[in-house]
Amino acid sequence: MPNIGLAELVIILSIALIVFGPGKLPDVGHALGKSLREFKIAKDSVFNDVNDALEKEKNEQETIK
């Protein structure tokens, strides 16, 4: 994860304020937060599915031996 300093954060927020305006900025922030949360849930789900499949395969290999 890249480190974002105070100066970079101020620049990003200033650009967002200019692009979206003060009225829309809270809505954009809410939508972005919701999207990131859904992405994290989907990522965790895929990660768990892969781990379960690997664990199942490992157990099957141990049973065969």
PDB file of N, CA and C in Angstrom:
ATOM      1  N   MET A   1       0.849  -1.168   0.000  1.00  0.00           N
ATOM      2  CA  MET A   1       0.000   0.000   0.000  1.00  0.00           C
ATOM      3  C   MET A   1       0.894   1.231   0.000  1.00  0.00           C
ATOM      4  N   PRO A   2       0.667   2.104  -0.955  1.00  0.00           N
ATOM      5  CA  PRO A   2       1.512   3.299  -1.006  1.00  0.00           C
ATOM      6  C   PRO A   2       1.204   4.234   0.159  1.00  0.00           C
ATOM      7  N   ASN A   3       2.234   4.904   0.613  1.00  0.00           N
ATOM      8  CA  ASN A   3       2.057   5.878   1.685  1.00  0.00           C
ATOM      9  C   ASN A   3       1.634   7.210   1.091  1.00  0.00           C
ATOM     10  N   ILE A   4       0.547   7.753   1.599  1.00  0.00           N
ATOM     11  CA  ILE A   4       0.058   9.045   1.142  1.00  0.00           C
ATOM     12  C   ILE A   4       0.288  10.036   2.272  1.00  0.00           C
ATOM     13  N   GLY A   5       1.062  11.047   1.984  1.00  0.00           N
ATOM     14  CA  GLY A   5       1.352  12.073   2.979  1.00  0.00           C
ATOM     15  C   GLY A   5       0.258  13.119   3.037  1.00  0.00           C
ATOM     16  N   LEU A   6       0.422  14.048   3.933  1.00  0.00           N
ATOM     17  CA  LEU A   6      -0.566  15.105   4.116  1.00  0.00           C
ATOM     18  C   LEU A   6      -0.693  15.972   2.865  1.00  0.00           C
ATOM     19  N   ALA A   7       0.418  16.290   2.236  1.00  0.00           N
ATOM     20  CA  ALA A   7       0.379  17.138   1.036  1.00  0.00           C
ATOM     21  C   ALA A   7      -0.386  16.448  -0.095  1.00  0.00           C
ATOM     22  N   GLU A   8      -0.130  15.167  -0.298  1.00  0.00           N
ATOM     23  CA  GLU A   8      -0.831  14.432  -1.353  1.00  0.00           C
ATOM     24  C   GLU A   8      -2.321  14.338  -1.059  1.00  0.00           C
ATOM     25  N   LEU A   9      -2.659  14.112   0.199  1.00  0.00           N
ATOM     26  CA  LEU A   9      -4.062  14.017   0.587  1.00  0.00           C
ATOM     27  C   LEU A   9      -4.790  15.340   0.351  1.00  0.00           C
ATOM     28  N   VAL A  10      -4.159  16.442   0.672  1.00  0.00           N
ATOM     29  CA  VAL A  10      -4.755  17.763   0.447  1.00  0.00           C
ATOM     30  C   VAL A  10      -4.962  18.001  -1.043  1.00  0.00           C
ATOM     31  N   ILE A  11      -4.004  17.618  -1.865  1.00  0.00           N
ATOM     32  CA  ILE A  11      -4.139  17.785  -3.318  1.00  0.00           C
ATOM     33  C   ILE A  11      -5.287  16.942  -3.850  1.00  0.00           C
ATOM     34  N   ILE A  12      -5.368  15.691  -3.421  1.00  0.00           N
ATOM     35  CA  ILE A  12      -6.441  14.799  -3.882  1.00  0.00           C
ATOM     36  C   ILE A  12      -7.803  15.351  -3.473  1.00  0.00           C
ATOM     37  N   LEU A  13      -7.936  15.770  -2.228  1.00  0.00           N
ATOM     38  CA  LEU A  13      -9.213  16.322  -1.761  1.00  0.00           C
ATOM     39  C   LEU A  13      -9.566  17.624  -2.472  1.00  0.00           C
ATOM     40  N   SER A  14      -8.581  18.450  -2.770  1.00  0.00           N
ATOM     41  CA  SER A  14      -8.832  19.700  -3.498  1.00  0.00           C
ATOM     42  C   SER A  14      -9.337  19.419  -4.903  1.00  0.00           C
ATOM     43  N   ILE A  15      -8.714  18.481  -5.576  1.00  0.00           N
ATOM     44  CA  ILE A  15      -9.154  18.116  -6.931  1.00  0.00           C
ATOM     45  C   ILE A  15     -10.560  17.538  -6.890  1.00  0.00           C
ATOM     46  N   ALA A  16     -10.840  16.673  -5.907  1.00  0.00           N
ATOM     47  CA  ALA A  16     -12.182  16.098  -5.775  1.00  0.00           C
ATOM     48  C   ALA A  16     -13.213  17.190  -5.524  1.00  0.00           C
ATOM     49  N   LEU A  17     -12.871  18.163  -4.712  1.00  0.00           N
ATOM     50  CA  LEU A  17     -13.788  19.267  -4.424  1.00  0.00           C
ATOM     51  C   LEU A  17     -14.063  20.084  -5.681  1.00  0.00           C
ATOM     52  N   ILE A  18     -13.038  20.318  -6.485  1.00  0.00           N
ATOM     53  CA  ILE A  18     -13.205  21.081  -7.729  1.00  0.00           C
ATOM     54  C   ILE A  18     -14.049  20.298  -8.731  1.00  0.00           C
ATOM     55  N   VAL A  19     -13.774  19.001  -8.863  1.00  0.00           N
ATOM     56  CA  VAL A  19     -14.471  18.183  -9.862  1.00  0.00           C
ATOM     57  C   VAL A  19     -15.930  17.950  -9.470  1.00  0.00           C
ATOM     58  N   PHE A  20     -16.179  17.573  -8.224  1.00  0.00           N
ATOM     59  CA  PHE A  20     -17.530  17.182  -7.819  1.00  0.00           C
ATOM     60  C   PHE A  20     -18.318  18.300  -7.151  1.00  0.00           C
ATOM     61  N   GLY A  21     -17.655  19.282  -6.628  1.00  0.00           N
ATOM     62  CA  GLY A  21     -18.341  20.376  -5.945  1.00  0.00           C
ATOM     63  C   GLY A  21     -18.693  19.999  -4.514  1.00  0.00           C
ATOM     64  N   PRO A  22     -18.947  21.014  -3.703  1.00  0.00           N
ATOM     65  CA  PRO A  22     -19.206  20.743  -2.282  1.00  0.00           C
ATOM     66  C   PRO A  22     -20.528  20.021  -2.027  1.00  0.00           C
ATOM     67  N   GLY A  23     -21.482  20.155  -2.927  1.00  0.00           N
ATOM     68  CA  GLY A  23     -22.775  19.497  -2.733  1.00  0.00           C
ATOM     69  C   GLY A  23     -22.730  18.002  -2.984  1.00  0.00           C
ATOM     70  N   LYS A  24     -21.985  17.596  -3.984  1.00  0.00           N
ATOM     71  CA  LYS A  24     -21.925  16.189  -4.377  1.00  0.00           C
ATOM     72  C   LYS A  24     -20.831  15.406  -3.659  1.00  0.00           C
ATOM     73  N   LEU A  25     -19.868  16.083  -3.070  1.00  0.00           N
ATOM     74  CA  LEU A  25     -18.717  15.402  -2.472  1.00  0.00           C
ATOM     75  C   LEU A  25     -19.111  14.388  -1.395  1.00  0.00           C
ATOM     76  N   PRO A  26     -20.049  14.689  -0.485  1.00  0.00           N
ATOM     77  CA  PRO A  26     -20.440  13.668   0.492  1.00  0.00           C
ATOM     78  C   PRO A  26     -21.065  12.433  -0.153  1.00  0.00           C
ATOM     79  N   ASP A  27     -21.869  12.642  -1.210  1.00  0.00           N
ATOM     80  CA  ASP A  27     -22.479  11.512  -1.910  1.00  0.00           C
ATOM     81  C   ASP A  27     -21.420  10.659  -2.595  1.00  0.00           C
ATOM     82  N   VAL A  28     -20.444  11.305  -3.199  1.00  0.00           N
ATOM     83  CA  VAL A  28     -19.354  10.582  -3.861  1.00  0.00           C
ATOM     84  C   VAL A  28     -18.551   9.797  -2.834  1.00  0.00           C
ATOM     85  N   GLY A  29     -18.269  10.406  -1.694  1.00  0.00           N
ATOM     86  CA  GLY A  29     -17.535   9.715  -0.636  1.00  0.00           C
ATOM     87  C   GLY A  29     -18.290   8.507  -0.119  1.00  0.00           C
ATOM     88  N   HIS A  30     -19.599   8.657   0.050  1.00  0.00           N
ATOM     89  CA  HIS A  30     -20.427   7.543   0.511  1.00  0.00           C
ATOM     90  C   HIS A  30     -20.420   6.408  -0.508  1.00  0.00           C
ATOM     91  N   ALA A  31     -20.598   6.737  -1.777  1.00  0.00           N
ATOM     92  CA  ALA A  31     -20.604   5.722  -2.827  1.00  0.00           C
ATOM     93  C   ALA A  31     -19.251   5.030  -2.930  1.00  0.00           C
ATOM     94  N   LEU A  32     -18.172   5.797  -2.804  1.00  0.00           N
ATOM     95  CA  LEU A  32     -16.833   5.214  -2.859  1.00  0.00           C
ATOM     96  C   LEU A  32     -16.603   4.271  -1.684  1.00  0.00           C
ATOM     97  N   GLY A  33     -17.012   4.680  -0.495  1.00  0.00           N
ATOM     98  CA  GLY A  33     -16.869   3.826   0.682  1.00  0.00           C
ATOM     99  C   GLY A  33     -17.662   2.542   0.549  1.00  0.00           C
ATOM    100  N   LYS A  34     -18.877   2.644   0.031  1.00  0.00           N
ATOM    101  CA  LYS A  34     -19.720   1.462  -0.163  1.00  0.00           C
ATOM    102  C   LYS A  34     -19.095   0.523  -1.192  1.00  0.00           C
ATOM    103  N   SER A  35     -18.572   1.085  -2.263  1.00  0.00           N
ATOM    104  CA  SER A  35     -17.934   0.264  -3.296  1.00  0.00           C
ATOM    105  C   SER A  35     -16.699  -0.443  -2.757  1.00  0.00           C
ATOM    106  N   LEU A  36     -15.883   0.265  -1.982  1.00  0.00           N
ATOM    107  CA  LEU A  36     -14.694  -0.355  -1.403  1.00  0.00           C
ATOM    108  C   LEU A  36     -15.067  -1.467  -0.429  1.00  0.00           C
ATOM    109  N   ARG A  37     -16.116  -1.263   0.350  1.00  0.00           N
ATOM    110  CA  ARG A  37     -16.579  -2.285   1.288  1.00  0.00           C
ATOM    111  C   ARG A  37     -17.046  -3.532   0.538  1.00  0.00           C
ATOM    112  N   GLU A  38     -17.827  -3.344  -0.539  1.00  0.00           N
ATOM    113  CA  GLU A  38     -18.303  -4.477  -1.331  1.00  0.00           C
ATOM    114  C   GLU A  38     -17.141  -5.198  -2.004  1.00  0.00           C
ATOM    115  N   PHE A  39     -16.157  -4.446  -2.479  1.00  0.00           N
ATOM    116  CA  PHE A  39     -14.982  -5.057  -3.095  1.00  0.00           C
ATOM    117  C   PHE A  39     -14.229  -5.903  -2.077  1.00  0.00           C
ATOM    118  N   LYS A  40     -14.071  -5.401  -0.854  1.00  0.00           N
ATOM    119  CA  LYS A  40     -13.363  -6.138   0.186  1.00  0.00           C
ATOM    120  C   LYS A  40     -14.104  -7.426   0.530  1.00  0.00           C
ATOM    121  N   ILE A  41     -15.427  -7.366   0.613  1.00  0.00           N
ATOM    122  CA  ILE A  41     -16.219  -8.557   0.908  1.00  0.00           C
ATOM    123  C   ILE A  41     -16.051  -9.586  -0.201  1.00  0.00           C
ATOM    124  N   ALA A  42     -16.105  -9.148  -1.462  1.00  0.00           N
ATOM    125  CA  ALA A  42     -15.936 -10.068  -2.589  1.00  0.00           C
ATOM    126  C   ALA A  42     -14.533 -10.663  -2.604  1.00  0.00           C
ATOM    127  N   LYS A  43     -13.522  -9.840  -2.323  1.00  0.00           N
ATOM    128  CA  LYS A  43     -12.137 -10.322  -2.282  1.00  0.00           C
ATOM    129  C   LYS A  43     -11.968 -11.370  -1.194  1.00  0.00           C
ATOM    130  N   ASP A  44     -12.515 -11.110  -0.022  1.00  0.00           N
ATOM    131  CA  ASP A  44     -12.415 -12.065   1.080  1.00  0.00           C
ATOM    132  C   ASP A  44     -13.133 -13.367   0.748  1.00  0.00           C
ATOM    133  N   SER A  45     -14.262 -13.265   0.065  1.00  0.00           N
ATOM    134  CA  SER A  45     -15.014 -14.453  -0.326  1.00  0.00           C
ATOM    135  C   SER A  45     -14.206 -15.318  -1.293  1.00  0.00           C
ATOM    136  N   VAL A  46     -13.598 -14.692  -2.288  1.00  0.00           N
ATOM    137  CA  VAL A  46     -12.772 -15.434  -3.245  1.00  0.00           C
ATOM    138  C   VAL A  46     -11.573 -16.051  -2.535  1.00  0.00           C
ATOM    139  N   PHE A  47     -10.937 -15.293  -1.657  1.00  0.00           N
ATOM    140  CA  PHE A  47      -9.786 -15.787  -0.901  1.00  0.00           C
ATOM    141  C   PHE A  47     -10.177 -17.010  -0.073  1.00  0.00           C
ATOM    142  N   ASN A  48     -11.329 -16.948   0.599  1.00  0.00           N
ATOM    143  CA  ASN A  48     -11.788 -18.077   1.405  1.00  0.00           C
ATOM    144  C   ASN A  48     -12.123 -19.282   0.542  1.00  0.00           C
ATOM    145  N   ASP A  49     -12.739 -19.064  -0.623  1.00  0.00           N
ATOM    146  CA  ASP A  49     -13.059 -20.170  -1.526  1.00  0.00           C
ATOM    147  C   ASP A  49     -11.797 -20.871  -2.011  1.00  0.00           C
ATOM    148  N   VAL A  50     -10.784 -20.102  -2.367  1.00  0.00           N
ATOM    149  CA  VAL A  50      -9.521 -20.684  -2.826  1.00  0.00           C
ATOM    150  C   VAL A  50      -8.858 -21.458  -1.694  1.00  0.00           C
ATOM    151  N   ASN A  51      -8.837 -20.891  -0.501  1.00  0.00           N
ATOM    152  CA  ASN A  51      -8.241 -21.591   0.637  1.00  0.00           C
ATOM    153  C   ASN A  51      -8.991 -22.876   0.961  1.00  0.00           C
ATOM    154  N   ASP A  52     -10.323 -22.846   0.885  1.00  0.00           N
ATOM    155  CA  ASP A  52     -11.108 -24.052   1.133  1.00  0.00           C
ATOM    156  C   ASP A  52     -10.798 -25.126   0.103  1.00  0.00           C
ATOM    157  N   ALA A  53     -10.689 -24.734  -1.168  1.00  0.00           N
ATOM    158  CA  ALA A  53     -10.375 -25.696  -2.223  1.00  0.00           C
ATOM    159  C   ALA A  53      -8.981 -26.283  -2.030  1.00  0.00           C
ATOM    160  N   LEU A  54      -8.020 -25.453  -1.664  1.00  0.00           N
ATOM    161  CA  LEU A  54      -6.662 -25.952  -1.422  1.00  0.00           C
ATOM    162  C   LEU A  54      -6.621 -26.884  -0.220  1.00  0.00           C
ATOM    163  N   GLU A  55      -7.349 -26.552   0.815  1.00  0.00           N
ATOM    164  CA  GLU A  55      -7.399 -27.395   2.016  1.00  0.00           C
ATOM    165  C   GLU A  55      -8.055 -28.738   1.697  1.00  0.00           C
ATOM    166  N   LYS A  56      -9.119 -28.699   0.887  1.00  0.00           N
ATOM    167  CA  LYS A  56      -9.798 -29.933   0.488  1.00  0.00           C
ATOM    168  C   LYS A  56      -8.856 -30.808  -0.332  1.00  0.00           C
ATOM    169  N   GLU A  57      -8.136 -30.202  -1.262  1.00  0.00           N
ATOM    170  CA  GLU A  57      -7.180 -30.945  -2.088  1.00  0.00           C
ATOM    171  C   GLU A  57      -6.074 -31.542  -1.219  1.00  0.00           C
ATOM    172  N   LYS A  58      -5.594 -30.784  -0.262  1.00  0.00           N
ATOM    173  CA  LYS A  58      -4.542 -31.263   0.638  1.00  0.00           C
ATOM    174  C   LYS A  58      -5.041 -32.459   1.448  1.00  0.00           C
ATOM    175  N   ASN A  59      -6.271 -32.376   1.944  1.00  0.00           N
ATOM    176  CA  ASN A  59      -6.838 -33.487   2.707  1.00  0.00           C
ATOM    177  C   ASN A  59      -7.014 -34.723   1.844  1.00  0.00           C
ATOM    178  N   GLU A  60      -7.418 -34.544   0.587  1.00  0.00           N
ATOM    179  CA  GLU A  60      -7.571 -35.676  -0.322  1.00  0.00           C
ATOM    180  C   GLU A  60      -6.222 -36.323  -0.615  1.00  0.00           C
ATOM    181  N   GLN A  61      -5.186 -35.510  -0.780  1.00  0.00           N
ATOM    182  CA  GLN A  61      -3.845 -36.044  -1.030  1.00  0.00           C
ATOM    183  C   GLN A  61      -3.342 -36.830   0.178  1.00  0.00           C
ATOM    184  N   GLU A  62      -3.615 -36.354   1.386  1.00  0.00           N
ATOM    185  CA  GLU A  62      -3.196 -37.064   2.590  1.00  0.00           C
ATOM    186  C   GLU A  62      -3.966 -38.363   2.751  1.00  0.00           C
ATOM    187  N   THR A  63      -5.234 -38.381   2.333  1.00  0.00           N
ATOM    188  CA  THR A  63      -6.041 -39.593   2.421  1.00  0.00           C
ATOM    189  C   THR A  63      -5.517 -40.651   1.454  1.00  0.00           C
ATOM    190  N   ILE A  64      -5.085 -40.226   0.281  1.00  0.00           N
ATOM    191  CA  ILE A  64      -4.565 -41.157  -0.724  1.00  0.00           C
ATOM    192  C   ILE A  64      -3.282 -41.805  -0.233  1.00  0.00           C
ATOM    193  N   LYS A  65      -2.434 -41.054   0.451  1.00  0.00           N
ATOM    194  CA  LYS A  65      -1.170 -41.593   0.948  1.00  0.00           C
ATOM    195  C   LYS A  65      -1.468 -42.581   2.026  1.00  0.00           C
TER     196      LYS A  65
END
